[in-house]
């Protein structure tokens, strides 16, 4: 449960950073490690963890996004619904050199690593383009970027 709080905190930083474009997020590795141990001791099913992560993703983005999970692909798709978040992503699409983009990637990578440590390897986070749900801006699996629209 403590790990879910860490994920929530990370997502709060992500949404605030995306909206404000402020400095680097700072996190402590020690509490994350302790929280990971607590989660491993608790007998939570994989389905429970998936549901908790979906909830935390939504709450972390201050209900400014929908999250869909594709079990076959082991993929969480983040679909922005908040107009300000959508506008920020559209500005990044127009200008991939925007300084917010690397910060956003870093936040999603951190979150992906947390998911990997609490579920298993092979789970993907997909950031959906704001105006076209079929298009992808970013995918990250096990903390590594596997697709970045700006690098294409």
C-alpha atoms as a PDB file:
ATOM      1  CA  UNK A   1       0.000   0.000   0.000  1.00  0.00           C
ATOM      2  CA  UNK A   2       2.878   2.351   0.746  1.00  0.00           C
ATOM      3  CA  UNK A   3       4.181   1.750  -2.788  1.00  0.00           C
ATOM      4  CA  UNK A   4       0.876   2.968  -4.147  1.00  0.00           C
ATOM      5  CA  UNK A   5       1.381   6.179  -2.159  1.00  0.00           C
ATOM      6  CA  UNK A   6       4.802   6.541  -3.795  1.00  0.00           C
ATOM      7  CA  UNK A   7       3.236   6.070  -7.219  1.00  0.00           C
ATOM      8  CA  UNK A   8       0.567   8.634  -6.327  1.00  0.00           C
ATOM      9  CA  UNK A   9       3.268  11.089  -5.245  1.00  0.00           C
ATOM     10  CA  UNK A  10       5.191  10.520  -8.479  1.00  0.00           C
ATOM     11  CA  UNK A  11       2.076  11.158 -10.526  1.00  0.00           C
ATOM     12  CA  UNK A  12       1.297  14.323  -8.583  1.00  0.00           C
ATOM     13  CA  UNK A  13       4.776  15.563  -9.460  1.00  0.00           C
ATOM     14  CA  UNK A  14       4.189  14.523 -13.048  1.00  0.00           C
ATOM     15  CA  UNK A  15       0.935  16.453 -13.382  1.00  0.00           C
ATOM     16  CA  UNK A  16       2.240  19.529 -11.560  1.00  0.00           C
ATOM     17  CA  UNK A  17       5.419  19.461 -13.636  1.00  0.00           C
ATOM     18  CA  UNK A  18       3.480  19.104 -16.853  1.00  0.00           C
ATOM     19  CA  UNK A  19       1.168  21.975 -15.996  1.00  0.00           C
ATOM     20  CA  UNK A  20       3.795  24.311 -14.583  1.00  0.00           C
ATOM     21  CA  UNK A  21       6.983  23.219 -16.301  1.00  0.00           C
ATOM     22  CA  UNK A  22       8.835  23.644 -13.027  1.00  0.00           C
ATOM     23  CA  UNK A  23      12.148  22.012 -12.063  1.00  0.00           C
ATOM     24  CA  UNK A  24      13.272  18.441 -11.682  1.00  0.00           C
ATOM     25  CA  UNK A  25      11.348  16.182  -9.373  1.00  0.00           C
ATOM     26  CA  UNK A  26      13.203  14.823  -6.403  1.00  0.00           C
ATOM     27  CA  UNK A  27      12.517  11.440  -4.961  1.00  0.00           C
ATOM     28  CA  UNK A  28      14.233   9.371  -2.367  1.00  0.00           C
ATOM     29  CA  UNK A  29      15.183   5.812  -3.260  1.00  0.00           C
ATOM     30  CA  UNK A  30      15.238   4.628   0.337  1.00  0.00           C
ATOM     31  CA  UNK A  31      11.496   4.991   1.050  1.00  0.00           C
ATOM     32  CA  UNK A  32      10.709   3.350  -2.292  1.00  0.00           C
ATOM     33  CA  UNK A  33      12.842   0.324  -1.375  1.00  0.00           C
ATOM     34  CA  UNK A  34      11.162   0.007   2.032  1.00  0.00           C
ATOM     35  CA  UNK A  35       7.737   0.346   0.429  1.00  0.00           C
ATOM     36  CA  UNK A  36       8.594  -2.314  -2.155  1.00  0.00           C
ATOM     37  CA  UNK A  37       9.486  -4.728   0.640  1.00  0.00           C
ATOM     38  CA  UNK A  38       6.196  -3.995   2.389  1.00  0.00           C
ATOM     39  CA  UNK A  39       4.244  -4.671  -0.826  1.00  0.00           C
ATOM     40  CA  UNK A  40       6.061  -7.978  -1.349  1.00  0.00           C
ATOM     41  CA  UNK A  41       5.178  -9.082   2.179  1.00  0.00           C
ATOM     42  CA  UNK A  42       1.500  -8.291   1.672  1.00  0.00           C
ATOM     43  CA  UNK A  43      -0.293 -11.033  -0.258  1.00  0.00           C
ATOM     44  CA  UNK A  44      -1.924  -8.862  -2.903  1.00  0.00           C
ATOM     45  CA  UNK A  45      -2.981 -10.507  -6.153  1.00  0.00           C
ATOM     46  CA  UNK A  46      -1.748  -9.242  -9.479  1.00  0.00           C
ATOM     47  CA  UNK A  47      -5.289  -8.127 -10.376  1.00  0.00           C
ATOM     48  CA  UNK A  48      -5.462  -6.120  -7.127  1.00  0.00           C
ATOM     49  CA  UNK A  49      -2.157  -4.444  -7.939  1.00  0.00           C
ATOM     50  CA  UNK A  50      -3.291  -3.628 -11.473  1.00  0.00           C
ATOM     51  CA  UNK A  51      -6.486  -2.064 -10.131  1.00  0.00           C
ATOM     52  CA  UNK A  52      -4.531  -0.073  -7.548  1.00  0.00           C
ATOM     53  CA  UNK A  53      -2.074   1.191 -10.157  1.00  0.00           C
ATOM     54  CA  UNK A  54      -4.915   2.230 -12.474  1.00  0.00           C
ATOM     55  CA  UNK A  55      -6.535   4.123  -9.608  1.00  0.00           C
ATOM     56  CA  UNK A  56      -3.279   5.771  -8.587  1.00  0.00           C
ATOM     57  CA  UNK A  57      -2.522   6.817 -12.169  1.00  0.00           C
ATOM     58  CA  UNK A  58      -5.917   8.509 -12.384  1.00  0.00           C
ATOM     59  CA  UNK A  59      -5.646  10.140  -8.962  1.00  0.00           C
ATOM     60  CA  UNK A  60      -2.022  11.129  -9.531  1.00  0.00           C
ATOM     61  CA  UNK A  61      -3.035  13.030 -12.605  1.00  0.00           C
ATOM     62  CA  UNK A  62      -5.756  14.640 -10.507  1.00  0.00           C
ATOM     63  CA  UNK A  63      -8.462  12.874 -12.433  1.00  0.00           C
ATOM     64  CA  UNK A  64      -7.161  14.630 -15.545  1.00  0.00           C
ATOM     65  CA  UNK A  65      -6.679  11.352 -17.367  1.00  0.00           C
ATOM     66  CA  UNK A  66      -8.341   8.054 -18.042  1.00  0.00           C
ATOM     67  CA  UNK A  67      -6.323   4.884 -17.709  1.00  0.00           C
ATOM     68  CA  UNK A  68      -7.064   1.754 -19.668  1.00  0.00           C
ATOM     69  CA  UNK A  69      -5.360  -1.576 -19.099  1.00  0.00           C
ATOM     70  CA  UNK A  70      -4.878  -4.073 -21.928  1.00  0.00           C
ATOM     71  CA  UNK A  71      -4.234  -7.448 -20.310  1.00  0.00           C
ATOM     72  CA  UNK A  72      -3.067  -9.070 -23.550  1.00  0.00           C
ATOM     73  CA  UNK A  73      -0.391  -6.414 -24.086  1.00  0.00           C
ATOM     74  CA  UNK A  74       0.241  -5.847 -20.365  1.00  0.00           C
ATOM     75  CA  UNK A  75      -0.123  -2.155 -21.111  1.00  0.00           C
ATOM     76  CA  UNK A  76      -1.501   0.832 -19.190  1.00  0.00           C
ATOM     77  CA  UNK A  77      -2.674   3.555 -21.613  1.00  0.00           C
ATOM     78  CA  UNK A  78      -2.846   7.074 -20.180  1.00  0.00           C
ATOM     79  CA  UNK A  79      -5.395   9.229 -21.987  1.00  0.00           C
ATOM     80  CA  UNK A  80      -5.431  12.872 -20.955  1.00  0.00           C
ATOM     81  CA  UNK A  81      -8.899  14.315 -20.407  1.00  0.00           C
ATOM     82  CA  UNK A  82      -7.995  17.587 -18.671  1.00  0.00           C
ATOM     83  CA  UNK A  83      -7.857  20.459 -21.175  1.00  0.00           C
ATOM     84  CA  UNK A  84      -4.714  21.984 -19.655  1.00  0.00           C
ATOM     85  CA  UNK A  85      -2.874  18.656 -19.769  1.00  0.00           C
ATOM     86  CA  UNK A  86      -4.064  18.069 -23.322  1.00  0.00           C
ATOM     87  CA  UNK A  87      -2.894  21.573 -24.317  1.00  0.00           C
ATOM     88  CA  UNK A  88       0.521  20.920 -22.748  1.00  0.00           C
ATOM     89  CA  UNK A  89       0.883  17.683 -24.700  1.00  0.00           C
ATOM     90  CA  UNK A  90      -0.232  19.371 -27.919  1.00  0.00           C
ATOM     91  CA  UNK A  91       2.413  22.070 -27.409  1.00  0.00           C
ATOM     92  CA  UNK A  92       5.009  19.334 -26.914  1.00  0.00           C
ATOM     93  CA  UNK A  93       3.798  17.651 -30.115  1.00  0.00           C
ATOM     94  CA  UNK A  94       4.246  20.932 -31.988  1.00  0.00           C
ATOM     95  CA  UNK A  95       7.665  21.502 -30.434  1.00  0.00           C
ATOM     96  CA  UNK A  96       9.331  18.207 -29.426  1.00  0.00           C
ATOM     97  CA  UNK A  97      12.307  20.209 -28.131  1.00  0.00           C
ATOM     98  CA  UNK A  98      10.087  21.585 -25.337  1.00  0.00           C
ATOM     99  CA  UNK A  99      11.965  21.271 -22.049  1.00  0.00           C
ATOM    100  CA  UNK A 100       8.912  19.655 -20.413  1.00  0.00           C
ATOM    101  CA  UNK A 101       9.155  16.551 -22.605  1.00  0.00           C
ATOM    102  CA  UNK A 102      12.363  15.053 -21.098  1.00  0.00           C
ATOM    103  CA  UNK A 103      10.980  15.703 -17.603  1.00  0.00           C
ATOM    104  CA  UNK A 104       7.747  13.962 -18.491  1.00  0.00           C
ATOM    105  CA  UNK A 105       9.662  11.003 -19.939  1.00  0.00           C
ATOM    106  CA  UNK A 106      11.760  10.762 -16.780  1.00  0.00           C
ATOM    107  CA  UNK A 107       8.649  10.762 -14.568  1.00  0.00           C
ATOM    108  CA  UNK A 108       7.046   7.985 -16.627  1.00  0.00           C
ATOM    109  CA  UNK A 109      10.297   5.982 -16.560  1.00  0.00           C
ATOM    110  CA  UNK A 110      10.379   6.227 -12.782  1.00  0.00           C
ATOM    111  CA  UNK A 111       6.771   5.128 -12.557  1.00  0.00           C
ATOM    112  CA  UNK A 112       7.442   2.219 -14.926  1.00  0.00           C
ATOM    113  CA  UNK A 113      10.298   1.022 -12.722  1.00  0.00           C
ATOM    114  CA  UNK A 114       7.961   1.090  -9.723  1.00  0.00           C
ATOM    115  CA  UNK A 115       5.392  -0.959 -11.617  1.00  0.00           C
ATOM    116  CA  UNK A 116       8.095  -3.428 -12.623  1.00  0.00           C
ATOM    117  CA  UNK A 117       9.203  -3.895  -9.032  1.00  0.00           C
ATOM    118  CA  UNK A 118       5.638  -4.444  -7.783  1.00  0.00           C
ATOM    119  CA  UNK A 119       4.108  -6.521 -10.579  1.00  0.00           C
ATOM    120  CA  UNK A 120       6.621  -8.066 -12.913  1.00  0.00           C
ATOM    121  CA  UNK A 121       8.747  -7.293 -15.929  1.00  0.00           C
ATOM    122  CA  UNK A 122       7.099  -6.566 -19.230  1.00  0.00           C
ATOM    123  CA  UNK A 123       4.433  -4.010 -18.251  1.00  0.00           C
ATOM    124  CA  UNK A 124       4.169  -0.964 -20.490  1.00  0.00           C
ATOM    125  CA  UNK A 125       2.932   2.566 -19.900  1.00  0.00           C
ATOM    126  CA  UNK A 126       1.632   4.229 -23.056  1.00  0.00           C
ATOM    127  CA  UNK A 127       0.986   7.966 -23.262  1.00  0.00           C
ATOM    128  CA  UNK A 128      -1.738   8.514 -25.840  1.00  0.00           C
ATOM    129  CA  UNK A 129      -1.800  11.533 -28.145  1.00  0.00           C
ATOM    130  CA  UNK A 130      -4.407  13.989 -26.855  1.00  0.00           C
ATOM    131  CA  UNK A 131      -6.329  14.351 -30.116  1.00  0.00           C
ATOM    132  CA  UNK A 132      -6.084  10.794 -31.420  1.00  0.00           C
ATOM    133  CA  UNK A 133      -6.468   7.852 -29.064  1.00  0.00           C
ATOM    134  CA  UNK A 134      -5.028   5.509 -31.694  1.00  0.00           C
ATOM    135  CA  UNK A 135      -1.703   7.379 -31.799  1.00  0.00           C
ATOM    136  CA  UNK A 136       1.063   7.095 -29.221  1.00  0.00           C
ATOM    137  CA  UNK A 137       3.434   9.766 -27.962  1.00  0.00           C
ATOM    138  CA  UNK A 138       5.468   7.617 -25.587  1.00  0.00           C
ATOM    139  CA  UNK A 139       5.780   4.032 -24.448  1.00  0.00           C
ATOM    140  CA  UNK A 140       7.943   2.829 -21.608  1.00  0.00           C
ATOM    141  CA  UNK A 141       8.509  -0.750 -20.537  1.00  0.00           C
ATOM    142  CA  UNK A 142      10.449  -1.705 -17.411  1.00  0.00           C
ATOM    143  CA  UNK A 143      11.733   1.837 -17.035  1.00  0.00           C
ATOM    144  CA  UNK A 144      13.093   2.042 -20.578  1.00  0.00           C
ATOM    145  CA  UNK A 145      11.675   4.159 -23.371  1.00  0.00           C
ATOM    146  CA  UNK A 146      10.570   1.894 -26.206  1.00  0.00           C
ATOM    147  CA  UNK A 147       8.905   4.608 -28.314  1.00  0.00           C
ATOM    148  CA  UNK A 148       9.263   8.376 -28.276  1.00  0.00           C
ATOM    149  CA  UNK A 149       7.419  10.333 -30.963  1.00  0.00           C
ATOM    150  CA  UNK A 150      10.089  13.069 -30.808  1.00  0.00           C
ATOM    151  CA  UNK A 151      12.839  10.614 -31.744  1.00  0.00           C
ATOM    152  CA  UNK A 152      11.055   9.482 -34.918  1.00  0.00           C
END
